[in-house]
Amino acid sequence: MSPGNPDNGVYFGLLDEVRTDTGEPLDGTNYESSNPDVADCSTDGGRVDPSEDNYCTVVGYSDGEATITVYSDADRSQFAELRVTVEGKYTPPTVTDVEIIGIENAVGNVNCNDNYSACTMSPGDPDNGVYFGLLDEVRTDTGEPLDGTNYESSNPDVADCSTDGGRVDPSEDNYCTVVGYSDGEATITVYSDADRSQFAELRVTVEGKYTPPTVTDVEIIGIENAVGNVNCNDNYSACTMSPGNPDNGVYFGLLDEVRTDTGEPLDGTNYESSNPDVADCSTDGGRVDPSEDNYCTVVGYSDGEATITVYSDADRSQFAELRITVEGR
């Protein structure tokens, strides 16, 4: 291999297997290099993310030879060796093109042309629902795309592209969230980190007025992670449970959904109990760690009845109710 490091592109993933007398392979190996200044094998992933235990990333750093020894954790007398010769000079790939290849997770009034050079959208922000994810690709002379782009807006007061995710959580490096803030035009320029002379442009036109969706209904759609004596009816309008608290084991997670006229459910509900000394619903998780916004943990504290009301943050006139009966011991 030629010299390099996990940041400049000369590396590979090494797979190994530990065989046993049962025929079942064992997990667990470690790696040593005879000359780590020449080549070494890293288990922290480097640019190659290990998908299994018996794996490391080999990187060559300078001309010379090194032997990578792979030991079994269970028996160091059993090992394999890989001789690595590093020679020549690393030549980074040449960036040939940057292209906007698509959009995803568009929410609100967003329309783009077929080659993703222009989009129109209504004003909004990541909290009120007009945004989309922008996907780009950096092409090279080797045929392998490069990670690493940055984004600039000609008019960030009109539209900008954020790499911190906003409401769209990036799943890859070459990604940003486009948000339109006010009427006008802005050009989003996508540069390659490796070569800023290579870029792509997206013209964003922001026009019209953001109209938030209308809440039509709030519904309790289920329970989960019930622990202790908990019984609910089929439409989740009533539950019985024995007294407890999140530390002693009688509780359950309550799932709800806010429906709108657009067909897209909204995040954001809050909860009130008519008798919190009998039963209450906590959004801080308690013993049940919420995996989504529209979620609370119901706990019964003492004998009696309480009604848990689930309100939409967007419209408190829309709500659902759950009657809790706490009884027994």
Protein backbone atom coordinates (compact mmCIF):
# COMPACT_ATOMS: atom_id res chain seq x y z
CA MET A 1 0.00 0.00 0.00
CA SER A 2 1.05 3.64 -0.32
CA PRO A 3 1.46 5.88 2.75
CA GLY A 4 -1.58 7.65 4.13
CA ASN A 5 -3.81 7.92 7.16
CA PRO A 6 -7.55 7.54 7.87
CA ASP A 7 -8.08 11.20 6.87
CA ASN A 8 -6.36 11.13 3.47
CA GLY A 9 -7.56 7.84 2.09
CA VAL A 10 -5.09 4.90 2.21
CA TYR A 11 -6.47 2.25 4.55
CA PHE A 12 -8.42 -1.00 4.56
CA GLY A 13 -10.47 -3.12 6.95
CA LEU A 14 -8.96 -6.40 8.14
CA LEU A 15 -11.30 -9.31 8.94
CA ASP A 16 -10.15 -12.26 11.01
CA GLU A 17 -11.67 -15.42 12.51
CA VAL A 18 -10.82 -17.41 15.65
CA ARG A 19 -11.60 -21.11 15.08
CA THR A 20 -12.25 -23.62 17.86
CA ASP A 21 -12.55 -27.39 18.36
CA THR A 22 -16.36 -27.04 18.49
CA GLY A 23 -16.51 -25.57 15.00
CA GLU A 24 -17.98 -22.35 16.39
CA PRO A 25 -15.80 -19.27 15.79
CA LEU A 26 -15.01 -17.03 18.81
CA ASP A 27 -15.29 -13.29 19.02
CA GLY A 28 -12.32 -11.39 20.41
CA THR A 29 -8.96 -10.57 18.85
CA ASN A 30 -6.29 -7.94 19.45
CA TYR A 31 -3.63 -6.55 17.16
CA GLU A 32 0.05 -5.63 17.42
CA SER A 33 2.34 -4.04 14.84
CA SER A 34 6.07 -4.76 14.70
CA ASN A 35 6.61 -1.23 13.37
CA PRO A 36 3.63 1.10 14.10
CA ASP A 37 5.44 4.06 12.53
CA VAL A 38 5.20 2.23 9.20
CA ALA A 39 1.77 0.55 9.55
CA ASP A 40 -0.67 -0.18 12.35
CA CYS A 41 -4.11 -1.67 12.88
CA SER A 42 -6.74 0.34 14.79
CA THR A 43 -9.88 -1.09 16.42
CA ASP A 44 -11.51 2.31 16.97
CA GLY A 45 -12.75 2.32 13.38
CA GLY A 46 -10.78 5.15 11.80
CA ARG A 47 -12.47 5.81 8.47
CA VAL A 48 -13.64 2.17 8.38
CA ASP A 49 -16.44 1.60 10.91
CA PRO A 50 -16.11 -1.95 12.29
CA SER A 51 -19.30 -3.97 11.94
CA GLU A 52 -18.04 -6.89 14.04
CA ASP A 53 -15.63 -7.72 16.87
CA ASN A 54 -12.90 -9.40 14.83
CA TYR A 55 -11.97 -6.38 12.75
CA CYS A 56 -9.42 -3.60 12.57
CA THR A 57 -8.44 -0.80 10.19
CA VAL A 58 -4.93 -1.07 8.69
CA VAL A 59 -3.25 2.25 7.85
CA GLY A 60 0.16 2.80 6.28
CA TYR A 61 2.05 5.86 7.52
CA SER A 62 5.55 5.77 5.95
CA ASP A 63 7.76 3.70 3.64
CA GLY A 64 8.95 0.41 5.10
CA GLU A 65 7.69 -2.98 6.31
CA ALA A 66 5.62 -4.00 9.33
CA THR A 67 4.01 -7.22 10.49
CA ILE A 68 0.51 -7.05 11.94
CA THR A 69 -0.04 -9.92 14.39
CA VAL A 70 -3.61 -10.93 15.18
CA TYR A 71 -3.97 -12.72 18.54
CA SER A 72 -6.93 -14.58 19.98
CA ASP A 73 -8.07 -13.00 23.26
CA ALA A 74 -8.75 -16.50 24.59
CA ASP A 75 -5.29 -17.91 23.74
CA ARG A 76 -2.39 -15.68 22.69
CA SER A 77 -0.43 -18.70 21.47
CA GLN A 78 -2.83 -18.79 18.54
CA PHE A 79 -2.25 -15.98 16.06
CA ALA A 80 -2.03 -14.96 12.42
CA GLU A 81 0.35 -12.53 10.74
CA LEU A 82 0.00 -10.04 7.90
CA ARG A 83 3.15 -8.50 6.37
CA VAL A 84 2.46 -4.96 5.18
CA THR A 85 4.82 -3.17 2.79
CA VAL A 86 4.33 0.58 2.51
CA GLU A 87 5.93 2.23 -0.49
CA GLY A 88 5.41 5.06 -2.91
CA LYS A 89 3.61 8.33 -2.33
CA TYR A 90 -0.02 8.97 -1.55
CA THR A 91 -1.79 10.89 -4.30
CA PRO A 92 -5.13 12.27 -3.17
CA PRO A 93 -8.01 11.94 -5.62
CA THR A 94 -8.79 14.97 -7.78
CA VAL A 95 -12.23 16.47 -7.31
CA THR A 96 -13.95 16.57 -10.70
CA ASP A 97 -17.47 17.66 -9.83
CA VAL A 98 -19.91 18.57 -7.05
CA GLU A 99 -23.57 17.77 -7.64
CA ILE A 100 -26.78 18.21 -5.69
CA ILE A 101 -28.30 14.74 -6.03
CA GLY A 102 -31.61 15.08 -4.24
CA ILE A 103 -33.74 16.32 -1.39
CA GLU A 104 -35.45 14.39 1.40
CA ASN A 105 -37.65 14.88 4.46
CA ALA A 106 -39.36 17.87 2.83
CA VAL A 107 -41.98 19.31 5.17
CA GLY A 108 -44.27 22.19 4.24
CA ASN A 109 -44.67 23.87 0.85
CA VAL A 110 -41.49 22.84 -1.03
CA ASN A 111 -41.13 22.29 -4.79
CA CYS A 112 -37.86 21.64 -6.68
CA ASN A 113 -37.06 21.13 -10.36
CA ASP A 114 -35.83 17.79 -11.70
CA ASN A 115 -32.10 18.56 -11.56
CA TYR A 116 -32.25 20.22 -8.11
CA SER A 117 -30.90 23.55 -9.32
CA ALA A 118 -33.94 25.53 -8.12
CA CYS A 119 -36.55 25.20 -5.39
CA THR A 120 -39.47 27.31 -4.21
CA MET A 121 -40.74 27.23 -0.65
CA SER A 122 -42.87 29.27 1.73
CA PRO A 123 -41.29 30.99 4.74
CA GLY A 124 -40.85 29.06 7.93
CA ASP A 125 -38.20 27.80 10.32
CA PRO A 126 -37.15 24.39 11.69
CA ASP A 127 -39.68 24.76 14.52
CA ASN A 128 -42.77 25.59 12.46
CA GLY A 129 -42.43 23.24 9.57
CA VAL A 130 -41.03 24.47 6.21
CA TYR A 131 -37.66 22.87 5.51
CA PHE A 132 -35.99 20.07 3.57
CA GLY A 133 -32.79 18.05 3.59
CA LEU A 134 -30.27 18.67 0.79
CA LEU A 135 -28.11 15.76 -0.42
CA ASP A 136 -24.92 16.35 -2.38
CA GLU A 137 -22.02 14.31 -3.76
CA VAL A 138 -18.37 15.14 -4.43
CA ARG A 139 -17.06 13.14 -7.40
CA THR A 140 -13.39 12.35 -8.08
CA ASP A 141 -11.14 10.99 -10.82
CA THR A 142 -10.93 7.66 -8.98
CA GLY A 143 -14.68 7.15 -9.19
CA GLU A 144 -14.96 7.16 -5.38
CA PRO A 145 -17.08 9.99 -3.94
CA LEU A 146 -15.49 12.11 -1.18
CA ASP A 147 -17.06 13.10 2.13
CA GLY A 148 -16.89 16.75 3.08
CA THR A 149 -18.85 19.72 1.84
CA ASN A 150 -19.69 23.12 3.27
CA TYR A 151 -22.48 25.53 2.45
CA GLU A 152 -22.87 29.26 1.94
CA SER A 153 -25.98 31.32 1.31
CA SER A 154 -25.95 34.51 -0.76
CA ASN A 155 -28.78 35.82 1.43
CA PRO A 156 -29.09 33.98 4.77
CA ASP A 157 -31.96 36.22 5.90
CA VAL A 158 -34.02 34.71 3.07
CA ALA A 159 -32.78 31.09 3.10
CA ASP A 160 -29.85 29.22 4.61
CA CYS A 161 -28.51 25.66 4.88
CA SER A 162 -27.60 24.31 8.33
CA THR A 163 -25.34 21.31 8.98
CA ASP A 164 -26.36 20.96 12.63
CA GLY A 165 -29.51 19.15 11.56
CA GLY A 166 -32.30 21.49 12.64
CA ARG A 167 -35.42 19.37 12.45
CA VAL A 168 -33.77 17.09 9.86
CA ASP A 169 -31.08 14.96 11.48
CA PRO A 170 -28.27 14.40 8.92
CA SER A 171 -27.57 10.74 8.26
CA GLU A 172 -24.38 11.44 6.30
CA ASP A 173 -21.63 14.03 5.92
CA ASN A 174 -22.73 15.58 2.63
CA TYR A 175 -26.03 16.93 3.90
CA CYS A 176 -27.61 20.14 5.15
CA THR A 177 -31.08 21.39 6.11
CA VAL A 178 -32.47 24.21 3.94
CA VAL A 179 -34.83 26.62 5.72
CA GLY A 180 -36.61 29.61 4.17
CA TYR A 181 -37.04 32.58 6.52
CA SER A 182 -38.56 35.45 4.50
CA ASP A 183 -39.71 36.34 0.99
CA GLY A 184 -36.92 36.72 -1.58
CA GLU A 185 -34.23 34.76 -3.38
CA ALA A 186 -31.00 33.20 -2.19
CA THR A 187 -28.40 30.94 -3.79
CA ILE A 188 -27.05 28.06 -1.69
CA THR A 189 -23.51 27.18 -2.85
CA VAL A 190 -22.19 23.71 -2.01
CA TYR A 191 -18.37 23.56 -1.95
CA SER A 192 -16.07 20.56 -1.75
CA ASP A 193 -13.86 20.73 1.35
CA ALA A 194 -11.03 19.29 -0.72
CA ASP A 195 -11.29 21.83 -3.56
CA ARG A 196 -13.41 24.97 -3.26
CA SER A 197 -13.13 25.58 -7.02
CA GLN A 198 -15.60 22.70 -7.40
CA PHE A 199 -19.13 23.58 -6.32
CA ALA A 200 -22.83 23.31 -7.09
CA GLU A 201 -25.57 25.91 -6.66
CA LEU A 202 -29.21 25.76 -5.66
CA ARG A 203 -31.41 28.80 -6.23
CA VAL A 204 -34.05 29.06 -3.50
CA THR A 205 -37.10 31.27 -3.94
CA VAL A 206 -39.08 31.94 -0.78
CA GLU A 207 -42.56 33.27 -1.31
CA GLY A 208 -46.00 33.21 0.22
CA LYS A 209 -46.92 32.78 3.83
CA TYR A 210 -46.45 29.79 6.07
CA THR A 211 -49.80 28.31 7.11
CA PRO A 212 -49.43 25.95 10.04
CA PRO A 213 -51.47 22.76 9.90
CA THR A 214 -54.79 22.71 11.75
CA VAL A 215 -55.04 20.21 14.60
CA THR A 216 -58.08 18.01 14.02
CA ASP A 217 -57.75 15.41 16.75
CA VAL A 218 -55.68 14.11 19.65
CA GLU A 219 -55.78 10.38 20.33
CA ILE A 220 -54.19 8.04 22.86
CA ILE A 221 -52.90 5.31 20.57
CA GLY A 222 -51.38 2.84 22.98
CA ILE A 223 -49.34 1.98 26.04
CA GLU A 224 -45.94 0.33 26.33
CA ASN A 225 -43.38 -0.81 28.90
CA ALA A 226 -46.14 -1.59 31.42
CA VAL A 227 -44.64 -2.86 34.70
CA GLY A 228 -46.78 -4.10 37.56
CA ASN A 229 -50.55 -4.59 37.72
CA VAL A 230 -51.84 -2.48 34.78
CA ASN A 231 -54.95 -3.17 32.68
CA CYS A 232 -56.41 -0.87 29.99
CA ASN A 233 -59.49 -1.13 27.77
CA ASP A 234 -59.19 -1.54 24.01
CA ASN A 235 -59.52 2.16 23.09
CA TYR A 236 -57.19 3.35 25.86
CA SER A 237 -59.80 5.54 27.51
CA ALA A 238 -59.58 3.79 30.91
CA CYS A 239 -56.92 1.90 32.85
CA THR A 240 -56.74 0.30 36.27
CA MET A 241 -53.49 -0.11 38.18
CA SER A 242 -52.20 -0.75 41.67
CA PRO A 243 -50.40 1.99 43.60
CA GLY A 244 -46.70 2.47 43.10
CA ASN A 245 -44.14 4.96 41.79
CA PRO A 246 -41.36 4.87 39.19
CA ASP A 247 -38.94 3.47 41.81
CA ASN A 248 -41.05 0.56 43.01
CA GLY A 249 -42.43 -0.76 39.78
CA VAL A 250 -46.06 0.11 38.87
CA TYR A 251 -46.10 2.38 35.84
CA PHE A 252 -46.56 2.42 32.06
CA GLY A 253 -45.68 4.55 29.04
CA LEU A 254 -48.54 6.44 27.35
CA LEU A 255 -48.36 7.05 23.57
CA ASP A 256 -50.43 9.73 21.89
CA GLU A 257 -50.79 11.28 18.44
CA VAL A 258 -51.81 14.77 17.28
CA ARG A 259 -53.53 14.60 13.89
CA THR A 260 -53.81 17.50 11.43
CA ASP A 261 -55.65 18.51 8.27
CA THR A 262 -52.48 17.86 6.24
CA GLY A 263 -52.37 14.21 7.28
CA GLU A 264 -48.98 14.76 8.97
CA PRO A 265 -49.00 14.15 12.74
CA LEU A 266 -47.56 16.92 14.93
CA ASP A 267 -45.06 16.56 17.73
CA GLY A 268 -45.85 18.25 21.00
CA THR A 269 -48.30 17.36 23.75
CA ASN A 270 -48.57 18.19 27.43
CA TYR A 271 -50.35 16.39 30.22
CA GLU A 272 -52.52 17.32 33.21
CA SER A 273 -53.95 15.15 35.96
CA SER A 274 -57.24 15.94 37.69
CA ASN A 275 -55.83 14.33 40.84
CA PRO A 276 -52.02 14.06 40.82
CA ASP A 277 -51.97 12.56 44.32
CA VAL A 278 -53.76 9.53 42.85
CA ALA A 279 -52.10 9.33 39.39
CA ASP A 280 -49.98 11.58 37.21
CA CYS A 281 -48.15 11.51 33.88
CA SER A 282 -44.48 12.58 33.77
CA THR A 283 -42.58 13.66 30.63
CA ASP A 284 -39.15 13.39 32.25
CA GLY A 285 -39.22 9.65 31.66
CA GLY A 286 -39.22 8.30 35.21
CA ARG A 287 -38.33 4.66 34.82
CA VAL A 288 -39.62 4.69 31.23
CA ASP A 289 -37.27 6.62 28.93
CA PRO A 290 -39.41 8.34 26.25
CA SER A 291 -38.35 7.52 22.70
CA GLU A 292 -40.51 10.24 21.14
CA ASP A 293 -42.06 13.62 21.92
CA ASN A 294 -45.66 12.50 22.35
CA TYR A 295 -45.06 10.30 25.36
CA CYS A 296 -45.37 10.33 29.15
CA THR A 297 -45.01 7.88 32.02
CA VAL A 298 -48.19 7.20 34.02
CA VAL A 299 -47.70 6.36 37.72
CA GLY A 300 -50.39 5.54 40.28
CA TYR A 301 -49.63 6.75 43.81
CA SER A 302 -52.70 6.00 45.97
CA ASP A 303 -56.19 4.53 45.79
CA GLY A 304 -58.72 6.65 43.91
CA GLU A 305 -59.54 7.99 40.44
CA ALA A 306 -57.81 10.57 38.23
CA THR A 307 -58.24 11.72 34.64
CA ILE A 308 -55.12 12.32 32.57
CA THR A 309 -55.82 14.95 29.87
CA VAL A 310 -53.52 15.01 26.84
CA TYR A 311 -53.44 18.43 25.12
CA SER A 312 -51.93 19.42 21.79
CA ASP A 313 -49.26 22.12 22.24
CA ALA A 314 -50.53 23.73 19.03
CA ASP A 315 -54.21 23.84 20.05
CA ARG A 316 -55.35 23.16 23.63
CA SER A 317 -58.96 22.85 22.48
CA GLN A 318 -57.95 19.47 21.03
CA PHE A 319 -57.33 16.83 23.69
CA ALA A 320 -57.84 13.22 24.74
CA GLU A 321 -58.59 11.82 28.18
CA LEU A 322 -57.58 8.68 30.04
CA ARG A 323 -59.43 7.71 33.24
CA ILE A 324 -57.12 6.02 35.75
CA THR A 325 -58.44 3.93 38.64
CA VAL A 326 -55.81 3.10 41.27
CA GLU A 327 -56.77 0.28 43.63
CA GLY A 328 -55.27 -2.56 45.53
CA ARG A 329 -51.83 -2.80 47.03
